[in-house]
C-alpha atoms as a PDB file:
ATOM      1  CA  MET A   1      -2.371   8.764 107.651  1.00  0.00           C
ATOM      2  CA  GLU A   2      -3.773  10.550 110.726  1.00  0.00           C
ATOM      3  CA  PHE A   3      -6.381   7.841 111.213  1.00  0.00           C
ATOM      4  CA  ASP A   4      -3.732   5.154 110.795  1.00  0.00           C
ATOM      5  CA  LEU A   5      -1.807   6.717 113.707  1.00  0.00           C
ATOM      6  CA  ILE A   6      -4.975   6.863 115.809  1.00  0.00           C
ATOM      7  CA  GLU A   7      -5.616   3.178 115.102  1.00  0.00           C
ATOM      8  CA  ARG A   8      -2.054   2.311 116.129  1.00  0.00           C
ATOM      9  CA  ILE A   9      -2.566   4.102 119.448  1.00  0.00           C
ATOM     10  CA  ARG A  10      -5.950   2.414 119.975  1.00  0.00           C
ATOM     11  CA  ARG A  11      -4.494  -1.055 119.444  1.00  0.00           C
ATOM     12  CA  HIS A  12      -1.850  -0.522 122.119  1.00  0.00           C
ATOM     13  CA  THR A  13      -4.128   1.120 124.682  1.00  0.00           C
ATOM     14  CA  ASP A  14      -7.416  -0.764 124.306  1.00  0.00           C
ATOM     15  CA  VAL A  15      -8.977  -1.339 127.748  1.00  0.00           C
ATOM     16  CA  ASN A  16     -12.580  -2.483 128.166  1.00  0.00           C
ATOM     17  CA  ARG A  17     -14.630  -0.768 130.855  1.00  0.00           C
ATOM     18  CA  ASP A  18     -18.358  -1.071 131.461  1.00  0.00           C
ATOM     19  CA  ASP A  19     -18.615   2.672 132.078  1.00  0.00           C
ATOM     20  CA  VAL A  20     -17.378   3.534 128.554  1.00  0.00           C
ATOM     21  CA  ALA A  21     -20.346   3.445 126.164  1.00  0.00           C
ATOM     22  CA  THR A  22     -18.441   4.939 123.215  1.00  0.00           C
ATOM     23  CA  GLY A  23     -14.677   5.365 123.067  1.00  0.00           C
ATOM     24  CA  ILE A  24     -12.203   6.046 120.266  1.00  0.00           C
ATOM     25  CA  GLY A  25     -13.767   6.302 116.809  1.00  0.00           C
ATOM     26  CA  ASP A  26     -16.553   8.870 117.214  1.00  0.00           C
ATOM     27  CA  ASP A  27     -16.591  12.654 117.472  1.00  0.00           C
ATOM     28  CA  ALA A  28     -16.782  12.420 121.261  1.00  0.00           C
ATOM     29  CA  ALA A  29     -16.583   9.748 123.922  1.00  0.00           C
ATOM     30  CA  VAL A  30     -19.667   8.755 125.899  1.00  0.00           C
ATOM     31  CA  VAL A  31     -19.058   7.624 129.468  1.00  0.00           C
ATOM     32  CA  ALA A  32     -21.111   7.055 132.614  1.00  0.00           C
ATOM     33  CA  VAL A  33     -20.067   8.420 136.012  1.00  0.00           C
ATOM     34  CA  PRO A  34     -21.012   5.820 138.644  1.00  0.00           C
ATOM     35  CA  ALA A  35     -23.825   6.718 140.989  1.00  0.00           C
ATOM     36  CA  GLY A  36     -22.629   8.365 144.183  1.00  0.00           C
ATOM     37  CA  ARG A  37     -19.305   9.488 142.735  1.00  0.00           C
ATOM     38  CA  GLU A  38     -17.851  12.847 141.771  1.00  0.00           C
ATOM     39  CA  LEU A  39     -15.582  13.311 138.753  1.00  0.00           C
ATOM     40  CA  ALA A  40     -12.023  14.621 139.202  1.00  0.00           C
ATOM     41  CA  ILE A  41     -10.411  15.928 135.977  1.00  0.00           C
ATOM     42  CA  ALA A  42      -6.831  17.016 135.306  1.00  0.00           C
ATOM     43  CA  VAL A  43      -4.853  17.927 132.180  1.00  0.00           C
ATOM     44  CA  ASP A  44      -1.136  18.442 131.521  1.00  0.00           C
ATOM     45  CA  THR A  45       0.944  19.198 128.443  1.00  0.00           C
ATOM     46  CA  LEU A  46       4.501  17.945 127.884  1.00  0.00           C
ATOM     47  CA  VAL A  47       6.686  19.782 125.365  1.00  0.00           C
ATOM     48  CA  GLU A  48       9.936  18.375 123.968  1.00  0.00           C
ATOM     49  CA  GLY A  49      12.932  20.239 125.341  1.00  0.00           C
ATOM     50  CA  VAL A  50      10.904  21.610 128.252  1.00  0.00           C
ATOM     51  CA  HIS A  51       9.312  18.656 130.040  1.00  0.00           C
ATOM     52  CA  PHE A  52      11.514  15.921 128.589  1.00  0.00           C
ATOM     53  CA  PRO A  53      14.941  16.139 126.926  1.00  0.00           C
ATOM     54  CA  VAL A  54      15.315  15.847 123.170  1.00  0.00           C
ATOM     55  CA  GLY A  55      16.042  12.219 122.376  1.00  0.00           C
ATOM     56  CA  THR A  56      13.982  10.745 125.214  1.00  0.00           C
ATOM     57  CA  ALA A  57      12.730   7.256 124.328  1.00  0.00           C
ATOM     58  CA  PRO A  58       9.140   7.309 122.981  1.00  0.00           C
ATOM     59  CA  ALA A  59       7.986   4.758 125.571  1.00  0.00           C
ATOM     60  CA  ASP A  60       9.325   6.962 128.365  1.00  0.00           C
ATOM     61  CA  ILE A  61       7.460   9.961 126.924  1.00  0.00           C
ATOM     62  CA  GLY A  62       4.231   7.966 126.831  1.00  0.00           C
ATOM     63  CA  TRP A  63       4.708   6.794 130.415  1.00  0.00           C
ATOM     64  CA  LYS A  64       5.545  10.262 131.741  1.00  0.00           C
ATOM     65  CA  ALA A  65       2.701  11.980 129.869  1.00  0.00           C
ATOM     66  CA  LEU A  66       0.246   9.777 131.739  1.00  0.00           C
ATOM     67  CA  ALA A  67       2.177   9.672 135.024  1.00  0.00           C
ATOM     68  CA  VAL A  68       2.146  13.430 135.584  1.00  0.00           C
ATOM     69  CA  ASN A  69      -1.628  13.413 135.207  1.00  0.00           C
ATOM     70  CA  LEU A  70      -2.164  10.392 137.428  1.00  0.00           C
ATOM     71  CA  SER A  71      -0.091  12.248 140.010  1.00  0.00           C
ATOM     72  CA  ASP A  72      -2.682  15.044 139.959  1.00  0.00           C
ATOM     73  CA  LEU A  73      -5.444  12.501 140.568  1.00  0.00           C
ATOM     74  CA  ALA A  74      -3.337  10.989 143.357  1.00  0.00           C
ATOM     75  CA  ALA A  75      -3.088  14.397 145.025  1.00  0.00           C
ATOM     76  CA  MET A  76      -6.904  14.519 145.029  1.00  0.00           C
ATOM     77  CA  GLY A  77      -7.248  10.972 146.378  1.00  0.00           C
ATOM     78  CA  ALA A  78      -9.079   9.978 143.184  1.00  0.00           C
ATOM     79  CA  THR A  79      -9.365   6.601 141.453  1.00  0.00           C
ATOM     80  CA  PRO A  80      -8.305   6.778 137.756  1.00  0.00           C
ATOM     81  CA  ALA A  81     -10.815   5.810 135.077  1.00  0.00           C
ATOM     82  CA  TRP A  82     -10.414   7.437 131.643  1.00  0.00           C
ATOM     83  CA  ALA A  83      -7.953   9.511 129.614  1.00  0.00           C
ATOM     84  CA  LEU A  84      -7.794  11.642 126.476  1.00  0.00           C
ATOM     85  CA  LEU A  85      -4.581  12.007 124.468  1.00  0.00           C
ATOM     86  CA  ALA A  86      -3.681  14.837 122.075  1.00  0.00           C
ATOM     87  CA  LEU A  87      -0.450  14.203 120.179  1.00  0.00           C
ATOM     88  CA  THR A  88       1.388  16.747 118.031  1.00  0.00           C
ATOM     89  CA  LEU A  89       4.148  15.299 115.830  1.00  0.00           C
ATOM     90  CA  PRO A  90       6.650  16.923 113.459  1.00  0.00           C
ATOM     91  CA  THR A  91       6.185  14.001 111.032  1.00  0.00           C
ATOM     92  CA  SER A  92       4.042  10.896 110.733  1.00  0.00           C
ATOM     93  CA  ASP A  93       6.376   8.529 112.598  1.00  0.00           C
ATOM     94  CA  GLU A  94       4.737   5.142 113.139  1.00  0.00           C
ATOM     95  CA  ALA A  95       7.616   3.707 115.165  1.00  0.00           C
ATOM     96  CA  PHE A  96       7.537   6.693 117.516  1.00  0.00           C
ATOM     97  CA  VAL A  97       3.764   6.402 117.956  1.00  0.00           C
ATOM     98  CA  ASP A  98       4.019   2.673 118.666  1.00  0.00           C
ATOM     99  CA  GLY A  99       6.660   3.308 121.329  1.00  0.00           C
ATOM    100  CA  LEU A 100       4.744   6.157 122.953  1.00  0.00           C
ATOM    101  CA  ALA A 101       1.535   4.128 123.030  1.00  0.00           C
ATOM    102  CA  ARG A 102       3.334   1.147 124.580  1.00  0.00           C
ATOM    103  CA  GLY A 103       4.758   3.311 127.372  1.00  0.00           C
ATOM    104  CA  PHE A 104       1.366   4.899 127.983  1.00  0.00           C
ATOM    105  CA  ALA A 105      -0.338   1.491 128.099  1.00  0.00           C
ATOM    106  CA  GLU A 106       2.306   0.047 130.415  1.00  0.00           C
ATOM    107  CA  LEU A 107       1.295   2.536 133.096  1.00  0.00           C
ATOM    108  CA  ALA A 108      -2.421   2.657 132.250  1.00  0.00           C
ATOM    109  CA  THR A 109      -3.076  -1.079 132.376  1.00  0.00           C
ATOM    110  CA  PRO A 110      -2.604  -1.668 136.138  1.00  0.00           C
ATOM    111  CA  TYR A 111      -5.203   1.055 136.801  1.00  0.00           C
ATOM    112  CA  ARG A 112      -7.628  -0.257 134.156  1.00  0.00           C
ATOM    113  CA  LEU A 113      -7.506   3.257 132.739  1.00  0.00           C
ATOM    114  CA  ALA A 114      -9.169   3.478 129.327  1.00  0.00           C
ATOM    115  CA  LEU A 115      -8.002   5.833 126.588  1.00  0.00           C
ATOM    116  CA  ILE A 116     -11.343   7.063 125.238  1.00  0.00           C
ATOM    117  CA  GLY A 117     -10.320   9.624 122.612  1.00  0.00           C
ATOM    118  CA  GLY A 118      -8.038  12.478 121.643  1.00  0.00           C
ATOM    119  CA  ASP A 119      -6.455  14.113 118.611  1.00  0.00           C
ATOM    120  CA  THR A 120      -3.372  14.031 116.388  1.00  0.00           C
ATOM    121  CA  THR A 121      -1.895  16.968 114.511  1.00  0.00           C
ATOM    122  CA  ARG A 122       1.353  18.186 112.955  1.00  0.00           C
ATOM    123  CA  GLY A 123       3.778  20.520 114.713  1.00  0.00           C
ATOM    124  CA  PRO A 124       6.546  20.560 117.388  1.00  0.00           C
ATOM    125  CA  LEU A 125       6.514  17.401 119.496  1.00  0.00           C
ATOM    126  CA  THR A 126       3.918  17.936 122.217  1.00  0.00           C
ATOM    127  CA  VAL A 127       1.849  15.476 124.253  1.00  0.00           C
ATOM    128  CA  THR A 128      -1.279  16.518 126.139  1.00  0.00           C
ATOM    129  CA  VAL A 129      -3.194  14.110 128.359  1.00  0.00           C
ATOM    130  CA  ALA A 130      -6.423  14.702 130.244  1.00  0.00           C
ATOM    131  CA  VAL A 131      -7.403  12.188 132.927  1.00  0.00           C
ATOM    132  CA  HIS A 132     -10.668  11.557 134.727  1.00  0.00           C
ATOM    133  CA  GLY A 133     -11.119   9.796 138.047  1.00  0.00           C
ATOM    134  CA  PHE A 134     -13.707   9.204 140.739  1.00  0.00           C
ATOM    135  CA  THR A 135     -14.029  10.358 144.323  1.00  0.00           C
ATOM    136  CA  ALA A 136     -16.817   9.998 146.853  1.00  0.00           C
ATOM    137  CA  PRO A 137     -18.764  13.249 147.357  1.00  0.00           C
ATOM    138  CA  GLY A 138     -16.863  15.572 149.662  1.00  0.00           C
ATOM    139  CA  GLU A 139     -13.857  13.241 150.011  1.00  0.00           C
ATOM    140  CA  ALA A 140     -11.466  14.762 147.455  1.00  0.00           C
ATOM    141  CA  LEU A 141      -8.185  15.917 148.956  1.00  0.00           C
ATOM    142  CA  LEU A 142      -7.672  19.664 148.524  1.00  0.00           C
ATOM    143  CA  ARG A 143      -4.866  22.158 149.042  1.00  0.00           C
ATOM    144  CA  SER A 144      -6.949  24.317 151.333  1.00  0.00           C
ATOM    145  CA  GLY A 145      -7.336  22.433 154.629  1.00  0.00           C
ATOM    146  CA  ALA A 146      -3.935  22.636 156.361  1.00  0.00           C
ATOM    147  CA  ARG A 147      -4.106  23.851 159.963  1.00  0.00           C
ATOM    148  CA  VAL A 148      -1.508  25.325 162.300  1.00  0.00           C
ATOM    149  CA  GLY A 149       0.076  22.451 164.230  1.00  0.00           C
ATOM    150  CA  ASP A 150      -0.317  19.912 161.428  1.00  0.00           C
ATOM    151  CA  VAL A 151       2.704  17.886 160.343  1.00  0.00           C
ATOM    152  CA  VAL A 152       4.086  18.269 156.814  1.00  0.00           C
ATOM    153  CA  MET A 153       4.991  14.958 155.133  1.00  0.00           C
ATOM    154  CA  VAL A 154       6.131  13.741 151.712  1.00  0.00           C
ATOM    155  CA  THR A 155       6.056  10.367 149.994  1.00  0.00           C
ATOM    156  CA  GLY A 156       9.146   8.721 148.531  1.00  0.00           C
ATOM    157  CA  THR A 157      12.344  10.683 148.035  1.00  0.00           C
ATOM    158  CA  LEU A 158      12.912  14.190 146.703  1.00  0.00           C
ATOM    159  CA  GLY A 159      15.328  15.562 144.129  1.00  0.00           C
ATOM    160  CA  ASP A 160      16.012  12.420 142.093  1.00  0.00           C
ATOM    161  CA  ALA A 161      14.461  13.726 138.873  1.00  0.00           C
ATOM    162  CA  ALA A 162      16.432  16.989 138.977  1.00  0.00           C
ATOM    163  CA  ALA A 163      19.575  14.999 139.724  1.00  0.00           C
ATOM    164  CA  GLY A 164      18.783  12.720 136.778  1.00  0.00           C
ATOM    165  CA  LEU A 165      18.448  15.716 134.494  1.00  0.00           C
ATOM    166  CA  ARG A 166      21.834  16.971 135.654  1.00  0.00           C
ATOM    167  CA  CYS A 167      23.294  13.523 134.986  1.00  0.00           C
ATOM    168  CA  LEU A 168      22.137  13.559 131.366  1.00  0.00           C
ATOM    169  CA  ALA A 169      24.609  16.370 130.766  1.00  0.00           C
ATOM    170  CA  GLU A 170      27.433  13.931 131.555  1.00  0.00           C
ATOM    171  CA  ALA A 171      29.235  12.261 128.664  1.00  0.00           C
ATOM    172  CA  ASP A 172      28.347   8.881 130.161  1.00  0.00           C
ATOM    173  CA  ALA A 173      25.109   8.846 132.117  1.00  0.00           C
ATOM    174  CA  SER A 174      25.117   5.058 132.651  1.00  0.00           C
ATOM    175  CA  PRO A 175      26.297   5.246 136.300  1.00  0.00           C
ATOM    176  CA  TYR A 176      23.212   7.336 137.054  1.00  0.00           C
ATOM    177  CA  VAL A 177      20.575   5.079 135.502  1.00  0.00           C
ATOM    178  CA  ALA A 178      18.416   5.024 138.656  1.00  0.00           C
ATOM    179  CA  LEU A 179      18.250   8.830 138.741  1.00  0.00           C
ATOM    180  CA  VAL A 180      17.537   9.144 135.018  1.00  0.00           C
ATOM    181  CA  GLU A 181      14.794   6.531 135.418  1.00  0.00           C
ATOM    182  CA  ARG A 182      13.166   8.704 138.095  1.00  0.00           C
ATOM    183  CA  LEU A 183      13.159  11.599 135.632  1.00  0.00           C
ATOM    184  CA  ASN A 184      11.760   9.605 132.723  1.00  0.00           C
ATOM    185  CA  ARG A 185       9.356   7.309 134.575  1.00  0.00           C
ATOM    186  CA  PRO A 186       8.025   8.919 137.754  1.00  0.00           C
ATOM    187  CA  THR A 187       5.757   6.818 139.967  1.00  0.00           C
ATOM    188  CA  PRO A 188       2.348   8.414 140.551  1.00  0.00           C
ATOM    189  CA  ARG A 189       1.371   7.822 144.189  1.00  0.00           C
ATOM    190  CA  VAL A 190      -2.230   6.855 143.459  1.00  0.00           C
ATOM    191  CA  SER A 191      -2.560   4.300 146.271  1.00  0.00           C
ATOM    192  CA  ALA A 192      -1.037   6.729 148.766  1.00  0.00           C
ATOM    193  CA  GLY A 193      -3.494   9.435 147.767  1.00  0.00           C
ATOM    194  CA  GLN A 194      -6.417   7.076 148.237  1.00  0.00           C
ATOM    195  CA  ALA A 195      -5.091   6.017 151.648  1.00  0.00           C
ATOM    196  CA  LEU A 196      -4.897   9.669 152.733  1.00  0.00           C
ATOM    197  CA  ARG A 197      -8.580  10.334 152.146  1.00  0.00           C
ATOM    198  CA  GLY A 198     -10.218  11.334 155.404  1.00  0.00           C
ATOM    199  CA  ILE A 199      -6.820  11.757 157.107  1.00  0.00           C
ATOM    200  CA  ALA A 200      -4.766  14.366 155.234  1.00  0.00           C
ATOM    201  CA  THR A 201      -5.928  17.915 155.817  1.00  0.00           C
ATOM    202  CA  ALA A 202      -4.340  19.148 152.563  1.00  0.00           C
ATOM    203  CA  CYS A 203      -2.361  17.624 149.698  1.00  0.00           C
ATOM    204  CA  ILE A 204      -0.470  18.587 146.537  1.00  0.00           C
ATOM    205  CA  ASP A 205       1.860  16.757 144.169  1.00  0.00           C
ATOM    206  CA  VAL A 206       5.456  17.925 143.837  1.00  0.00           C
ATOM    207  CA  SER A 207       5.868  18.858 140.193  1.00  0.00           C
ATOM    208  CA  ASP A 208       7.544  22.293 140.311  1.00  0.00           C
ATOM    209  CA  GLY A 209       9.682  21.736 143.425  1.00  0.00           C
ATOM    210  CA  LEU A 210       8.937  21.160 147.107  1.00  0.00           C
ATOM    211  CA  VAL A 211       9.222  24.781 148.259  1.00  0.00           C
ATOM    212  CA  ALA A 212       7.161  26.088 145.349  1.00  0.00           C
ATOM    213  CA  ASP A 213       4.409  23.484 145.589  1.00  0.00           C
ATOM    214  CA  LEU A 214       4.168  23.515 149.379  1.00  0.00           C
ATOM    215  CA  GLY A 215       3.948  27.291 149.006  1.00  0.00           C
ATOM    216  CA  HIS A 216       0.863  26.849 146.820  1.00  0.00           C
ATOM    217  CA  LEU A 217      -0.694  24.618 149.481  1.00  0.00           C
ATOM    218  CA  CYS A 218       0.085  27.151 152.201  1.00  0.00           C
ATOM    219  CA  ALA A 219      -1.392  30.003 150.172  1.00  0.00           C
ATOM    220  CA  ARG A 220      -4.639  28.089 149.632  1.00  0.00           C
ATOM    221  CA  SER A 221      -4.801  27.167 153.328  1.00  0.00           C
ATOM    222  CA  GLY A 222      -3.854  30.599 154.661  1.00  0.00           C
ATOM    223  CA  VAL A 223      -0.918  29.264 156.696  1.00  0.00           C
ATOM    224  CA  GLY A 224       2.863  29.013 156.624  1.00  0.00           C
ATOM    225  CA  ALA A 225       5.169  26.011 156.814  1.00  0.00           C
ATOM    226  CA  GLU A 226       8.540  25.335 158.411  1.00  0.00           C
ATOM    227  CA  ILE A 227      10.724  22.669 156.802  1.00  0.00           C
ATOM    228  CA  ASP A 228      13.727  21.009 158.476  1.00  0.00           C
ATOM    229  CA  VAL A 229      16.310  20.460 155.743  1.00  0.00           C
ATOM    230  CA  ALA A 230      17.914  17.592 157.664  1.00  0.00           C
ATOM    231  CA  MET A 231      14.652  15.630 157.448  1.00  0.00           C
ATOM    232  CA  LEU A 232      14.298  15.775 153.649  1.00  0.00           C
ATOM    233  CA  PRO A 233      14.189  12.210 152.265  1.00  0.00           C
ATOM    234  CA  ARG A 234      16.941  11.767 149.680  1.00  0.00           C
ATOM    235  CA  SER A 235      17.788   8.572 147.855  1.00  0.00           C
ATOM    236  CA  SER A 236      21.012   6.633 148.249  1.00  0.00           C
ATOM    237  CA  ALA A 237      21.506   6.899 144.480  1.00  0.00           C
ATOM    238  CA  MET A 238      21.506  10.697 144.628  1.00  0.00           C
ATOM    239  CA  LEU A 239      23.672  10.897 147.750  1.00  0.00           C
ATOM    240  CA  ALA A 240      26.184   8.524 146.155  1.00  0.00           C
ATOM    241  CA  HIS A 241      26.769  10.841 143.211  1.00  0.00           C
ATOM    242  CA  PHE A 242      26.228  14.369 144.554  1.00  0.00           C
ATOM    243  CA  HIS A 243      27.513  16.490 147.401  1.00  0.00           C
ATOM    244  CA  ASP A 244      25.063  17.245 150.192  1.00  0.00           C
ATOM    245  CA  ALA A 245      24.604  20.862 149.080  1.00  0.00           C
ATOM    246  CA  ASP A 246      23.538  19.757 145.594  1.00  0.00           C
ATOM    247  CA  ALA A 247      21.266  17.063 147.018  1.00  0.00           C
ATOM    248  CA  ILE A 248      19.528  19.643 149.217  1.00  0.00           C
ATOM    249  CA  ASP A 249      19.156  21.995 146.257  1.00  0.00           C
ATOM    250  CA  PHE A 250      17.572  19.244 144.145  1.00  0.00           C
ATOM    251  CA  ALA A 251      15.244  18.189 146.977  1.00  0.00           C
ATOM    252  CA  LEU A 252      14.005  21.705 147.749  1.00  0.00           C
ATOM    253  CA  GLY A 253      13.599  23.118 144.268  1.00  0.00           C
ATOM    254  CA  GLY A 254      14.336  20.549 141.585  1.00  0.00           C
ATOM    255  CA  GLY A 255      10.805  19.484 140.714  1.00  0.00           C
ATOM    256  CA  ASP A 256       9.575  16.671 138.460  1.00  0.00           C
ATOM    257  CA  ASP A 257       9.465  14.174 141.349  1.00  0.00           C
ATOM    258  CA  TYR A 258       5.664  13.769 141.392  1.00  0.00           C
ATOM    259  CA  GLU A 259       5.677  12.746 145.019  1.00  0.00           C
ATOM    260  CA  LEU A 260       2.840  13.843 147.309  1.00  0.00           C
ATOM    261  CA  CYS A 261       3.345  16.597 149.873  1.00  0.00           C
ATOM    262  CA  PHE A 262       0.583  16.648 152.459  1.00  0.00           C
ATOM    263  CA  THR A 263      -0.385  17.728 155.942  1.00  0.00           C
ATOM    264  CA  VAL A 264      -1.891  15.584 158.683  1.00  0.00           C
ATOM    265  CA  PRO A 265      -2.784  16.147 162.345  1.00  0.00           C
ATOM    266  CA  ALA A 266       0.330  15.606 164.463  1.00  0.00           C
ATOM    267  CA  ASP A 267      -1.237  12.729 166.391  1.00  0.00           C
ATOM    268  CA  ARG A 268      -1.764  10.756 163.161  1.00  0.00           C
ATOM    269  CA  ALA A 269       1.680  11.193 161.577  1.00  0.00           C
ATOM    270  CA  ASN A 270       3.063   7.848 162.802  1.00  0.00           C
ATOM    271  CA  GLU A 271      -0.076   6.029 161.676  1.00  0.00           C
ATOM    272  CA  VAL A 272       0.179   7.562 158.204  1.00  0.00           C
ATOM    273  CA  ALA A 273       3.882   6.726 157.922  1.00  0.00           C
ATOM    274  CA  ALA A 274       3.168   3.087 158.814  1.00  0.00           C
ATOM    275  CA  ASP A 275       0.216   2.836 156.411  1.00  0.00           C
ATOM    276  CA  LEU A 276       2.122   4.274 153.464  1.00  0.00           C
ATOM    277  CA  ALA A 277       5.144   2.092 154.208  1.00  0.00           C
ATOM    278  CA  ARG A 278       2.881  -0.940 153.813  1.00  0.00           C
ATOM    279  CA  ILE A 279       1.508   0.402 150.528  1.00  0.00           C
ATOM    280  CA  GLY A 280       4.980   1.164 149.167  1.00  0.00           C
ATOM    281  CA  GLY A 281       6.922   4.369 148.801  1.00  0.00           C
ATOM    282  CA  GLY A 282       6.558   5.358 152.444  1.00  0.00           C
ATOM    283  CA  ALA A 283       6.219   8.857 153.852  1.00  0.00           C
ATOM    284  CA  THR A 284       8.546  11.109 155.812  1.00  0.00           C
ATOM    285  CA  ARG A 285       7.791  13.903 158.247  1.00  0.00           C
ATOM    286  CA  ILE A 286       9.688  16.996 157.066  1.00  0.00           C
ATOM    287  CA  GLY A 287       8.188  19.898 158.995  1.00  0.00           C
ATOM    288  CA  ARG A 288       5.126  21.548 160.442  1.00  0.00           C
ATOM    289  CA  VAL A 289       2.407  24.035 159.620  1.00  0.00           C
ATOM    290  CA  VAL A 290       2.837  27.394 161.343  1.00  0.00           C
ATOM    291  CA  GLU A 291       1.077  30.709 161.522  1.00  0.00           C
ATOM    292  CA  GLY A 292       1.903  33.269 158.845  1.00  0.00           C
ATOM    293  CA  ALA A 293       2.610  32.702 155.176  1.00  0.00           C
ATOM    294  CA  GLY A 294       5.154  31.069 152.898  1.00  0.00           C
ATOM    295  CA  VAL A 295       7.623  28.231 153.354  1.00  0.00           C
ATOM    296  CA  HIS A 296      10.578  28.668 155.708  1.00  0.00           C
ATOM    297  CA  VAL A 297      13.501  26.239 155.531  1.00  0.00           C
ATOM    298  CA  ILE A 298      15.750  25.747 158.553  1.00  0.00           C
ATOM    299  CA  ASP A 299      18.846  23.676 159.301  1.00  0.00           C
ATOM    300  CA  ALA A 300      19.567  21.473 162.326  1.00  0.00           C
ATOM    301  CA  SER A 301      20.528  24.495 164.424  1.00  0.00           C
ATOM    302  CA  GLY A 302      17.355  26.365 163.553  1.00  0.00           C
ATOM    303  CA  GLN A 303      19.056  28.790 161.180  1.00  0.00           C
ATOM    304  CA  ALA A 304      17.290  29.846 158.013  1.00  0.00           C
ATOM    305  CA  VAL A 305      18.348  28.186 154.765  1.00  0.00           C
ATOM    306  CA  ALA A 306      17.822  30.038 151.481  1.00  0.00           C
ATOM    307  CA  PRO A 307      16.925  27.598 148.671  1.00  0.00           C
ATOM    308  CA  VAL A 308      19.167  27.970 145.630  1.00  0.00           C
ATOM    309  CA  ARG A 309      16.208  27.802 143.258  1.00  0.00           C
ATOM    310  CA  ALA A 310      12.586  28.800 143.728  1.00  0.00           C
ATOM    311  CA  GLY A 311      11.109  25.989 141.665  1.00  0.00           C
ATOM    312  CA  TRP A 312       9.967  25.742 138.064  1.00  0.00           C
ATOM    313  CA  ASN A 313       8.138  28.638 136.425  1.00  0.00           C
ATOM    314  CA  HIS A 314       7.287  28.351 132.722  1.00  0.00           C
ATOM    315  CA  PHE A 315       7.136  32.100 132.239  1.00  0.00           C
ATOM    316  CA  ALA A 316      10.049  33.237 134.408  1.00  0.00           C
ATOM    317  CA  ALA A 317      12.487  35.530 132.650  1.00  0.00           C
END
């Protein structure tokens, strides 16, 4: 039965690549890293009831399991190539596996990303994906290069996923379909990450919340950041359904957006905004890099704003 499930996944996700010598079907995959390229690798685990609500459609789980990993490659400016999938299921559910594999393949196909192996086992519903991508030597975007005076920018809009999660608690979530879609099917900003190579001084994807993730970038760079709350990009869908205070809370600490937060020299901010607008998704200037440590949020009058939540922490009490 296990091998039947593996074959079902393979059929949905089969992508031919010249750099895959041996894929699914052997004890290990055999692949070739192109000459003159470095390999970027990321892995994430999604657990039912933690990373996606109970009852989430299998196709949405498959999409999101890959998307959160592609977002990590995007934050490095890498080009996706291969993936591994480890799937833990409570029961041998062929319909669920077919749906998950279809969602995974729907996102993988435009990137010509090949699923080259993985594992299936029995237990609480858990999906782990490892992705591999290429960068030119020395060109990977890192968290550690932000400099005082740089501009802080983000792609897309912030807070939609957290708003979507709140909406699912409503008896009828249909008016909030756009927000729920952002929770279930985030868009990894792969093209934006590639466009930022050689321009961004530091980059991170927003998975745990803007303040938390920008704080990680600042810590690695040895700087602080000042964020203007009035400049936070928030979608019309979220603003139509939530008061401004809730929208700010979602944008600062909600997480699960998988947008890119990055720093660029101030004299290149307009150029970057124009470039990413052409690519799709756009980018918004939200603050600046300052001396010191940590992330400081201010309002239009320059007064400090205390975020309601600090961001996601798996092991917080």
